[in-house]
Amino acid sequence: MIKLEMLRVFLAVADEGALALAAQKLGRTPSALSMALSQLEAQVGARLFETDRKNRLTPLGRLVLEEARRATNSYTRSLDAIARHARSLAGTVRVMAVPSATITLLPRAVLAFSQARPDVRLDIRDSDTASVIAQVAMGEVDIGIISQSPRANAAPSVEAEVILSDPLGIVARHDGRFAQMTKGRGVGWQDLIHEPLIANPLCDLVDHPSVTEGLQDCRIEARNTTALLAFVRAGIGITILPQTAMAEADPALHFFASNDPHSRRELCKIRNRAAHLSPVAQSFWDLLAPLASSP
């Protein structure tokens, strides 16, 4: 039977390239490591190193190295999960969200949770939708919030629930060329020609040829909502964002709803189907209840 300790020894020797260095790293004797490696090679039925110097792996050794890393990382994550559950109603809730959610949706939930559970630590990070899904799927975070439909983006291991749906539109300076050219009439996606488009991942949710053309010609892309608003405010161009991104009044900026066609983005909370949330993580999940959709 291949034991986890054998894999740990093999990883250390493969990383260090020498028994003596690996023994020093693990705080064990070289002979003990040599015996563990011999036992591992006996179990797999072939040599893992090209020479006795342990500085070159065989093709099988390279495969075992990859699987050993995966196995030890999985073991570490499992221990972390056990420790979190052992702490029961205390501990940390790890949340990763797209930047727009950290501005518009999380403050309400964080305030309510912090008042109810001041003994629990909240670890909140932001990233793009693909990264959030990947981190939830790997068990690196407890709860994720993404800004695209789960039907299109969620991995099979991820459970998703829509908590907010709001319209997408064009954000421009109140006194900029875009505002001047569309003054007194309805705005459409074809009006993107009036100023340079600052791209962001939400632009992909709009199915319109003018958006596609604008993305092909754009020279600036940003993923952070705060940065996008700052760029528009500075007169660099216009961008596409949900209406809730303009929750705080900004006299320099204006949200223009497009009518051809209406496009929406969904905020979804996600979690790993196979992982059981700790009691405190479950409490935070429940706080992220669906909100009334914006018109």
Protein backbone atom coordinates (compact mmCIF):
# COMPACT_ATOMS: atom_id res chain seq x y z
CA MET A 1 0.00 0.00 0.00
CA ILE A 2 1.29 3.46 -0.91
CA LYS A 3 1.28 5.65 2.18
CA LEU A 4 0.97 9.42 2.24
CA GLU A 5 4.30 9.71 4.04
CA MET A 6 6.03 7.95 1.13
CA LEU A 7 4.62 10.54 -1.25
CA ARG A 8 5.77 13.38 1.01
CA VAL A 9 9.30 11.98 1.10
CA PHE A 10 9.28 11.52 -2.68
CA LEU A 11 8.11 15.12 -3.19
CA ALA A 12 10.83 16.49 -0.93
CA VAL A 13 13.59 14.49 -2.66
CA ALA A 14 12.31 15.38 -6.14
CA ASP A 15 12.10 19.08 -5.23
CA GLU A 16 15.53 19.23 -3.57
CA GLY A 17 17.30 16.94 -6.03
CA ALA A 18 19.31 15.19 -3.30
CA LEU A 19 18.64 12.92 -0.34
CA ALA A 20 20.76 14.98 2.05
CA LEU A 21 18.94 18.24 1.26
CA ALA A 22 15.54 16.58 1.50
CA ALA A 23 16.48 14.98 4.83
CA GLN A 24 17.53 18.37 6.16
CA LYS A 25 14.23 19.88 4.99
CA LEU A 26 12.14 17.15 6.63
CA GLY A 27 14.28 16.82 9.77
CA ARG A 28 14.99 13.13 9.14
CA THR A 29 18.03 11.04 8.26
CA PRO A 30 18.99 10.30 4.63
CA SER A 31 18.79 6.56 5.33
CA ALA A 32 15.18 6.90 6.52
CA LEU A 33 14.28 8.77 3.33
CA SER A 34 16.10 6.20 1.19
CA MET A 35 14.10 3.41 2.82
CA ALA A 36 10.80 5.26 2.23
CA LEU A 37 11.71 5.75 -1.45
CA SER A 38 12.61 2.10 -1.83
CA GLN A 39 9.25 1.11 -0.36
CA LEU A 40 7.45 3.48 -2.76
CA GLU A 41 9.33 2.12 -5.79
CA ALA A 42 8.50 -1.42 -4.64
CA GLN A 43 4.82 -0.50 -4.51
CA VAL A 44 4.74 1.10 -7.99
CA GLY A 45 6.97 -1.64 -9.43
CA ALA A 46 9.59 0.55 -11.15
CA ARG A 47 12.30 3.12 -10.52
CA LEU A 48 11.28 6.73 -10.01
CA PHE A 49 14.77 8.27 -10.38
CA GLU A 50 17.21 7.76 -13.24
CA THR A 51 20.24 7.47 -10.93
CA ASP A 52 21.04 6.99 -7.26
CA ARG A 53 21.83 10.73 -7.02
CA LYS A 54 18.08 11.41 -7.12
CA ASN A 55 18.42 14.45 -9.38
CA ARG A 56 16.62 13.12 -12.47
CA LEU A 57 13.17 11.57 -12.59
CA THR A 58 12.14 8.73 -14.87
CA PRO A 59 9.02 9.23 -17.03
CA LEU A 60 7.09 7.26 -14.41
CA GLY A 61 8.66 9.41 -11.72
CA ARG A 62 7.34 12.56 -13.38
CA LEU A 63 3.84 11.08 -13.45
CA VAL A 64 4.05 10.02 -9.80
CA LEU A 65 5.33 13.50 -8.90
CA GLU A 66 2.24 15.13 -10.41
CA GLU A 67 -0.12 12.71 -8.68
CA ALA A 68 1.76 13.05 -5.37
CA ARG A 69 1.32 16.82 -5.43
CA ARG A 70 -2.38 16.42 -6.14
CA ALA A 71 -2.81 13.86 -3.35
CA THR A 72 -0.93 15.85 -0.70
CA ASN A 73 -2.73 19.09 -1.63
CA SER A 74 -6.08 17.31 -1.39
CA TYR A 75 -5.11 15.90 2.00
CA THR A 76 -4.16 19.36 3.26
CA ARG A 77 -7.45 20.84 2.06
CA SER A 78 -9.35 18.02 3.78
CA LEU A 79 -7.56 18.70 7.05
CA ASP A 80 -8.43 22.39 6.73
CA ALA A 81 -12.09 21.51 6.15
CA ILE A 82 -12.13 19.21 9.17
CA ALA A 83 -10.56 21.91 11.31
CA ARG A 84 -13.17 24.45 10.18
CA HIS A 85 -16.02 22.10 11.03
CA ALA A 86 -14.42 21.18 14.34
CA ARG A 87 -14.57 24.84 15.31
CA SER A 88 -18.35 24.58 14.75
CA LEU A 89 -19.86 28.05 15.18
CA ALA A 90 -16.51 29.87 15.31
CA GLY A 91 -13.85 30.36 12.66
CA THR A 92 -13.60 32.03 9.27
CA VAL A 93 -15.95 32.37 6.31
CA ARG A 94 -14.08 32.68 3.02
CA VAL A 95 -15.90 34.65 0.33
CA MET A 96 -14.72 35.53 -3.19
CA ALA A 97 -16.78 37.84 -5.38
CA VAL A 98 -16.62 39.79 -8.60
CA PRO A 99 -15.69 43.45 -7.91
CA SER A 100 -19.14 44.85 -8.69
CA ALA A 101 -20.66 42.57 -6.03
CA THR A 102 -18.22 43.78 -3.38
CA ILE A 103 -19.51 47.30 -4.01
CA THR A 104 -23.24 46.77 -4.46
CA LEU A 105 -24.24 43.56 -2.69
CA LEU A 106 -21.73 42.49 -0.05
CA PRO A 107 -21.87 45.57 2.24
CA ARG A 108 -25.44 44.76 3.30
CA ALA A 109 -24.63 41.12 4.02
CA VAL A 110 -21.32 41.87 5.75
CA LEU A 111 -22.92 44.45 8.04
CA ALA A 112 -25.75 42.11 9.06
CA PHE A 113 -23.40 39.18 9.58
CA SER A 114 -20.84 41.17 11.56
CA GLN A 115 -23.53 42.45 13.91
CA ALA A 116 -24.93 38.95 14.43
CA ARG A 117 -21.59 37.12 14.65
CA PRO A 118 -18.80 39.47 15.79
CA ASP A 119 -16.74 36.42 16.81
CA VAL A 120 -16.39 35.16 13.23
CA ARG A 121 -13.72 36.39 10.81
CA LEU A 122 -14.73 37.21 7.23
CA ASP A 123 -12.05 36.67 4.56
CA ILE A 124 -13.31 38.54 1.47
CA ARG A 125 -11.46 38.70 -1.85
CA ASP A 126 -12.43 39.85 -5.33
CA SER A 127 -11.62 38.41 -8.73
CA ASP A 128 -13.22 37.69 -12.11
CA THR A 129 -16.02 35.17 -12.60
CA ALA A 130 -13.81 32.37 -13.97
CA SER A 131 -11.41 32.62 -11.03
CA VAL A 132 -14.24 32.66 -8.49
CA ILE A 133 -15.75 29.49 -10.00
CA ALA A 134 -12.35 27.76 -10.02
CA GLN A 135 -11.64 28.65 -6.38
CA VAL A 136 -15.06 27.42 -5.23
CA ALA A 137 -14.71 24.20 -7.24
CA MET A 138 -11.30 23.51 -5.63
CA GLY A 139 -12.60 24.25 -2.14
CA GLU A 140 -10.31 27.23 -1.66
CA VAL A 141 -13.25 29.48 -0.71
CA ASP A 142 -16.60 28.67 0.90
CA ILE A 143 -18.88 30.99 -1.07
CA GLY A 144 -18.49 32.75 -4.40
CA ILE A 145 -20.47 35.49 -6.12
CA ILE A 146 -20.28 35.64 -9.91
CA SER A 147 -21.77 38.03 -12.43
CA GLN A 148 -22.90 35.71 -15.19
CA SER A 149 -25.58 33.09 -15.60
CA PRO A 150 -24.70 29.82 -13.86
CA ARG A 151 -26.17 27.93 -16.80
CA ALA A 152 -23.34 29.22 -18.97
CA ASN A 153 -20.45 29.33 -16.56
CA ALA A 154 -20.79 27.12 -13.47
CA ALA A 155 -18.73 23.94 -13.35
CA PRO A 156 -20.66 20.70 -12.70
CA SER A 157 -19.33 20.63 -9.12
CA VAL A 158 -20.77 24.08 -8.37
CA GLU A 159 -24.26 24.88 -7.10
CA ALA A 160 -25.54 28.30 -8.11
CA GLU A 161 -28.49 30.52 -7.20
CA VAL A 162 -29.41 33.87 -8.74
CA ILE A 163 -29.63 36.59 -6.09
CA LEU A 164 -29.90 39.72 -8.24
CA SER A 165 -30.74 40.62 -11.83
CA ASP A 166 -30.26 44.15 -13.07
CA PRO A 167 -30.03 45.91 -16.44
CA LEU A 168 -26.80 46.63 -18.23
CA GLY A 169 -26.26 50.04 -19.78
CA ILE A 170 -23.65 52.55 -20.85
CA VAL A 171 -21.83 54.65 -18.24
CA ALA A 172 -20.52 57.96 -19.57
CA ARG A 173 -19.57 61.40 -18.33
CA HIS A 174 -22.56 63.63 -17.76
CA ASP A 175 -20.96 66.36 -19.89
CA GLY A 176 -19.08 64.15 -22.36
CA ARG A 177 -19.50 63.65 -26.09
CA PHE A 178 -21.71 60.58 -25.61
CA ALA A 179 -24.17 62.55 -23.46
CA GLN A 180 -24.17 65.42 -25.94
CA MET A 181 -24.77 63.20 -28.98
CA THR A 182 -27.67 61.29 -27.35
CA LYS A 183 -29.31 64.22 -25.54
CA GLY A 184 -33.10 64.24 -25.76
CA ARG A 185 -33.53 60.77 -27.25
CA GLY A 186 -33.37 57.10 -26.37
CA VAL A 187 -29.97 55.44 -26.23
CA GLY A 188 -28.98 52.28 -28.09
CA TRP A 189 -25.86 50.12 -28.22
CA GLN A 190 -25.13 51.61 -31.66
CA ASP A 191 -24.32 54.88 -29.85
CA LEU A 192 -21.07 53.34 -28.59
CA ILE A 193 -19.43 54.91 -31.66
CA HIS A 194 -19.49 58.33 -29.99
CA GLU A 195 -16.64 57.60 -27.54
CA PRO A 196 -13.92 54.94 -27.08
CA LEU A 197 -15.17 51.81 -25.29
CA ILE A 198 -13.35 50.71 -22.13
CA ALA A 199 -13.78 46.93 -22.15
CA ASN A 200 -14.66 44.74 -19.18
CA PRO A 201 -15.98 41.14 -18.88
CA LEU A 202 -19.62 42.29 -18.65
CA CYS A 203 -19.43 43.56 -22.23
CA ASP A 204 -19.58 39.92 -23.36
CA LEU A 205 -23.12 39.66 -21.97
CA VAL A 206 -24.46 42.11 -24.55
CA ASP A 207 -25.40 40.43 -27.83
CA HIS A 208 -25.17 43.34 -30.25
CA PRO A 209 -22.86 43.94 -33.26
CA SER A 210 -21.94 47.44 -32.08
CA VAL A 211 -20.56 46.00 -28.84
CA THR A 212 -18.62 43.37 -30.76
CA GLU A 213 -17.10 46.06 -32.99
CA GLY A 214 -16.33 48.28 -30.03
CA LEU A 215 -14.48 45.45 -28.29
CA GLN A 216 -12.42 44.76 -31.39
CA ASP A 217 -11.31 48.39 -31.57
CA CYS A 218 -10.85 49.07 -27.83
CA ARG A 219 -7.37 49.67 -26.42
CA ILE A 220 -8.16 49.67 -22.69
CA GLU A 221 -9.64 46.88 -20.56
CA ALA A 222 -10.25 46.81 -16.80
CA ARG A 223 -11.96 44.34 -14.47
CA ASN A 224 -12.41 46.43 -11.36
CA THR A 225 -15.57 48.52 -11.12
CA THR A 226 -13.88 51.30 -9.18
CA ALA A 227 -11.16 51.55 -11.84
CA LEU A 228 -13.73 51.56 -14.66
CA LEU A 229 -15.69 54.41 -13.08
CA ALA A 230 -12.49 56.35 -12.47
CA PHE A 231 -11.45 55.99 -16.12
CA VAL A 232 -14.86 57.19 -17.34
CA ARG A 233 -14.80 60.06 -14.86
CA ALA A 234 -11.38 61.09 -16.24
CA GLY A 235 -12.81 61.31 -19.78
CA ILE A 236 -10.89 58.30 -21.15
CA GLY A 237 -13.99 56.69 -22.63
CA ILE A 238 -17.29 54.97 -21.83
CA THR A 239 -18.01 51.48 -20.50
CA ILE A 240 -20.80 48.95 -19.93
CA LEU A 241 -21.89 48.27 -16.36
CA PRO A 242 -25.01 47.24 -14.43
CA GLN A 243 -27.27 49.94 -13.07
CA THR A 244 -26.39 49.01 -9.47
CA ALA A 245 -22.78 50.02 -10.12
CA MET A 246 -24.10 53.57 -10.02
CA ALA A 247 -25.72 53.10 -6.60
CA GLU A 248 -23.75 56.03 -5.18
CA ALA A 249 -24.60 59.36 -6.77
CA ASP A 250 -21.77 60.76 -8.88
CA PRO A 251 -22.51 64.13 -10.49
CA ALA A 252 -19.84 63.53 -13.13
CA LEU A 253 -21.31 60.26 -14.40
CA HIS A 254 -24.62 59.04 -15.82
CA PHE A 255 -26.10 55.61 -16.53
CA PHE A 256 -27.78 55.33 -19.94
CA ALA A 257 -30.14 52.35 -20.27
CA SER A 258 -30.10 50.83 -23.74
CA ASN A 259 -33.35 49.89 -25.45
CA ASP A 260 -32.12 47.74 -28.34
CA PRO A 261 -32.29 45.19 -26.83
CA HIS A 262 -32.43 45.31 -23.05
CA SER A 263 -29.51 43.34 -21.62
CA ARG A 264 -29.15 42.16 -18.05
CA ARG A 265 -26.51 40.67 -15.81
CA GLU A 266 -27.20 38.23 -13.00
CA LEU A 267 -25.35 38.03 -9.71
CA CYS A 268 -25.27 34.44 -8.50
CA LYS A 269 -24.05 32.96 -5.25
CA ILE A 270 -22.21 29.66 -5.71
CA ARG A 271 -20.80 26.91 -3.51
CA ASN A 272 -19.21 23.50 -3.97
CA ARG A 273 -21.87 20.77 -4.22
CA ALA A 274 -19.61 18.18 -2.61
CA ALA A 275 -18.50 20.32 0.35
CA HIS A 276 -20.62 20.89 3.44
CA LEU A 277 -20.57 24.49 4.58
CA SER A 278 -19.66 25.10 8.20
CA PRO A 279 -22.52 26.48 10.33
CA VAL A 280 -21.18 30.03 10.10
CA ALA A 281 -20.61 29.78 6.33
CA GLN A 282 -24.15 28.46 5.96
CA SER A 283 -25.39 31.48 7.91
CA PHE A 284 -23.61 33.84 5.53
CA TRP A 285 -24.96 31.90 2.53
CA ASP A 286 -28.50 32.35 3.87
CA LEU A 287 -27.92 36.10 4.28
CA LEU A 288 -27.28 36.34 0.55
CA ALA A 289 -30.98 35.97 -0.17
CA PRO A 290 -32.37 36.85 -3.61
CA LEU A 291 -33.08 40.56 -3.98
CA ALA A 292 -35.84 42.16 -6.00
CA SER A 293 -34.74 42.59 -9.61
CA SER A 294 -34.11 46.09 -10.84
CA PRO A 295 -36.38 47.26 -13.68
